[in-house]
N, C-alpha and C. Protein backbone atom coordinates (compact mmCIF):
# COMPACT_ATOMS: atom_id res chain seq x y z
N MET A 1 -0.69 4.26 -13.42
CA MET A 1 0.11 4.53 -12.54
C MET A 1 -0.59 5.56 -11.60
N LYS A 2 -1.39 5.98 -10.46
CA LYS A 2 -1.82 6.53 -9.73
C LYS A 2 -0.66 7.14 -8.54
N LYS A 3 -0.45 8.39 -8.84
CA LYS A 3 0.27 8.99 -7.91
C LYS A 3 -0.78 9.83 -5.90
N VAL A 4 0.16 9.19 -4.75
CA VAL A 4 -0.65 9.80 -3.79
C VAL A 4 0.40 10.23 -3.24
N LYS A 5 -0.19 11.80 -2.72
CA LYS A 5 0.94 12.70 -2.06
C LYS A 5 0.51 12.49 -0.64
N ILE A 6 1.89 12.47 0.41
CA ILE A 6 1.71 12.32 2.02
C ILE A 6 2.26 13.73 2.08
N THR A 7 2.25 14.02 3.49
CA THR A 7 3.03 15.00 3.83
C THR A 7 3.39 14.71 5.14
N THR A 8 3.66 12.95 5.49
CA THR A 8 4.20 12.94 7.01
C THR A 8 5.42 12.42 6.28
N GLU A 9 6.28 11.73 7.33
CA GLU A 9 7.94 10.99 6.86
C GLU A 9 7.13 9.69 5.93
N PHE A 10 6.04 9.12 6.52
CA PHE A 10 6.04 7.64 5.97
C PHE A 10 4.06 7.50 6.24
N ILE A 11 3.83 6.74 5.61
CA ILE A 11 2.56 5.99 6.00
C ILE A 11 2.54 4.45 5.96
N LYS A 12 1.72 3.43 7.00
CA LYS A 12 1.86 2.67 7.50
C LYS A 12 1.12 1.86 5.72
N LEU A 13 1.67 0.84 5.43
CA LEU A 13 1.19 0.02 4.27
C LEU A 13 -0.79 -0.74 4.42
N ASP A 14 -0.98 -0.77 4.94
CA ASP A 14 -2.70 -0.94 5.80
C ASP A 14 -3.35 0.21 5.22
N ALA A 15 -2.79 1.49 5.96
CA ALA A 15 -3.36 2.66 6.10
C ALA A 15 -3.53 3.38 4.42
N LEU A 16 -2.43 3.65 3.75
CA LEU A 16 -2.15 3.96 2.45
C LEU A 16 -2.95 3.06 1.80
N LEU A 17 -3.22 1.91 1.78
CA LEU A 17 -4.42 1.11 0.89
C LEU A 17 -5.44 1.03 1.20
N LYS A 18 -6.30 2.19 2.27
CA LYS A 18 -7.09 2.50 2.03
C LYS A 18 -7.28 4.28 1.72
N PHE A 19 -6.22 4.97 2.23
CA PHE A 19 -5.80 6.53 1.58
C PHE A 19 -6.49 6.06 0.07
N ALA A 20 -5.91 5.56 -0.70
CA ALA A 20 -5.42 5.12 -2.54
C ALA A 20 -6.78 4.45 -2.62
N SER A 21 -7.29 4.31 -1.85
CA SER A 21 -8.73 3.39 -2.88
C SER A 21 -8.67 2.11 -2.94
N LEU A 22 -7.72 1.67 -3.01
CA LEU A 22 -7.19 0.12 -3.00
C LEU A 22 -8.32 -1.15 -2.65
N VAL A 23 -8.58 -0.73 -1.67
CA VAL A 23 -9.17 -1.19 -0.60
C VAL A 23 -11.35 -0.46 0.39
N GLY A 24 -11.49 -1.14 0.59
CA GLY A 24 -12.57 -0.33 0.63
C GLY A 24 -12.52 0.13 2.67
N SER A 25 -11.59 -0.69 3.49
CA SER A 25 -11.55 -0.96 4.84
C SER A 25 -10.23 -2.03 5.11
N GLY A 26 -10.01 -1.36 6.39
CA GLY A 26 -8.93 -2.18 7.30
C GLY A 26 -8.69 -3.11 7.26
N GLY A 27 -9.82 -4.41 7.84
CA GLY A 27 -10.13 -5.04 7.19
C GLY A 27 -9.45 -6.02 6.08
N GLU A 28 -10.38 -5.18 4.95
CA GLU A 28 -9.62 -5.78 3.10
C GLU A 28 -8.33 -5.69 3.32
N ALA A 29 -7.95 -4.66 3.60
CA ALA A 29 -6.37 -4.41 3.46
C ALA A 29 -5.48 -5.67 4.40
N LYS A 30 -5.91 -6.03 5.43
CA LYS A 30 -5.09 -6.90 6.50
C LYS A 30 -5.50 -8.25 5.55
N THR A 31 -6.50 -8.91 5.62
CA THR A 31 -6.97 -9.77 4.31
C THR A 31 -5.79 -9.93 3.30
N PHE A 32 -5.72 -8.98 1.90
CA PHE A 32 -4.66 -8.98 0.92
C PHE A 32 -3.20 -8.89 1.25
N ILE A 33 -3.02 -8.50 3.10
CA ILE A 33 -2.06 -8.35 3.11
C ILE A 33 -1.16 -9.95 3.38
N GLN A 34 -2.18 -10.14 4.27
CA GLN A 34 -1.72 -11.14 5.17
C GLN A 34 -1.47 -12.47 3.85
N ASP A 35 -2.54 -12.77 2.91
CA ASP A 35 -2.86 -13.33 1.44
C ASP A 35 -1.03 -13.41 0.41
N GLY A 36 -0.55 -12.64 1.12
CA GLY A 36 0.39 -12.30 -0.20
C GLY A 36 0.57 -11.69 -1.12
N GLN A 37 -0.90 -10.89 -1.20
CA GLN A 37 -1.40 -10.66 -2.65
C GLN A 37 -1.18 -8.71 -3.04
N VAL A 38 -0.32 -8.12 -2.16
CA VAL A 38 0.37 -6.86 -1.93
C VAL A 38 1.31 -6.82 -2.27
N LEU A 39 2.06 -5.46 -3.20
CA LEU A 39 3.35 -5.65 -3.50
C LEU A 39 4.35 -4.18 -3.32
N VAL A 40 5.22 -4.83 -2.86
CA VAL A 40 5.80 -3.30 -2.73
C VAL A 40 7.31 -3.49 -3.14
N ASN A 41 7.55 -2.45 -4.10
CA ASN A 41 8.32 -2.07 -4.79
C ASN A 41 8.66 -3.03 -5.50
N GLY A 42 7.97 -4.04 -6.37
CA GLY A 42 7.98 -5.73 -6.51
C GLY A 42 8.27 -6.66 -5.80
N GLU A 43 7.93 -6.69 -4.66
CA GLU A 43 8.47 -8.08 -3.79
C GLU A 43 6.80 -7.98 -2.58
N VAL A 44 6.55 -8.96 -2.66
CA VAL A 44 5.56 -9.22 -1.60
C VAL A 44 5.66 -9.22 -0.38
N CYS A 45 4.90 -7.99 -0.01
CA CYS A 45 4.76 -7.57 1.52
C CYS A 45 3.35 -8.21 2.49
N THR A 46 4.01 -8.90 3.79
CA THR A 46 2.90 -9.21 4.35
C THR A 46 3.26 -8.50 5.72
N MET A 47 3.66 -7.29 5.76
CA MET A 47 3.76 -6.52 7.08
C MET A 47 2.75 -5.72 6.89
N ARG A 48 1.46 -5.18 7.49
CA ARG A 48 0.56 -4.23 7.58
C ARG A 48 1.55 -3.30 8.40
N GLY A 49 1.95 -3.22 9.06
CA GLY A 49 2.88 -1.91 9.75
C GLY A 49 3.99 -2.01 8.74
N LYS A 50 4.63 -1.92 7.43
CA LYS A 50 5.70 -1.65 7.28
C LYS A 50 5.33 -0.04 7.17
N LYS A 51 6.46 0.33 6.82
CA LYS A 51 6.80 2.07 6.42
C LYS A 51 6.90 2.17 4.88
N ILE A 52 5.85 2.69 4.44
CA ILE A 52 5.78 3.37 3.29
C ILE A 52 6.38 4.62 2.91
N ARG A 53 7.52 5.04 2.23
CA ARG A 53 8.08 6.19 2.02
C ARG A 53 7.79 7.04 0.76
N PRO A 54 8.07 7.99 0.68
CA PRO A 54 7.95 8.23 -0.95
C PRO A 54 9.04 7.95 -1.62
N GLY A 55 8.07 7.45 -2.97
CA GLY A 55 9.22 7.03 -4.11
C GLY A 55 8.76 5.85 -4.43
N ASP A 56 8.29 4.76 -2.97
CA ASP A 56 7.55 3.57 -2.71
C ASP A 56 6.77 3.43 -4.09
N THR A 57 6.84 2.12 -4.19
CA THR A 57 5.50 1.50 -5.42
C THR A 57 4.73 0.91 -4.26
N VAL A 58 3.37 0.78 -4.69
CA VAL A 58 2.37 -0.67 -4.25
C VAL A 58 1.92 -1.22 -4.85
N SER A 59 1.54 -2.69 -5.19
CA SER A 59 0.70 -3.16 -6.31
C SER A 59 -0.31 -3.71 -5.57
N LEU A 60 -1.42 -4.00 -6.35
CA LEU A 60 -2.73 -4.51 -5.92
C LEU A 60 -3.69 -4.78 -6.94
N GLY A 61 -3.37 -6.12 -7.36
CA GLY A 61 -4.89 -6.59 -8.09
C GLY A 61 -4.09 -5.95 -9.88
N GLY A 62 -3.80 -5.67 -9.89
CA GLY A 62 -2.75 -4.91 -11.64
C GLY A 62 -3.50 -3.66 -11.07
N LYS A 63 -3.26 -2.68 -9.47
CA LYS A 63 -3.45 -1.43 -9.60
C LYS A 63 -2.50 -0.89 -8.86
N GLU A 64 -1.96 -0.33 -9.66
CA GLU A 64 -0.70 0.14 -8.82
C GLU A 64 -0.42 1.93 -8.09
N VAL A 65 0.26 2.01 -7.39
CA VAL A 65 0.42 3.19 -6.75
C VAL A 65 1.50 3.89 -6.35
N THR A 66 2.20 5.25 -6.67
CA THR A 66 2.85 5.79 -6.09
C THR A 66 2.89 6.18 -5.40
N VAL A 67 4.02 6.75 -4.19
CA VAL A 67 4.01 7.97 -2.83
C VAL A 67 4.99 8.78 -3.30
N GLU A 68 3.86 10.09 -3.04
CA GLU A 68 5.05 10.96 -3.33
C GLU A 68 5.24 12.37 -2.31
């Protein structure tokens, strides 16, 4: 499990996927999210703008990232 440190209160889901290098572009992030392939804290999330806060875990394609 990879850990990603943010210095703000939250980061939007699509931005986190790019920031953590789980996807190569915003368009790719949008597609994965809309297709229901992204899990936030173990549940499918289809909202690109979902606020991800420290302690949340995001999974995509078997890769998992925890926000600190």
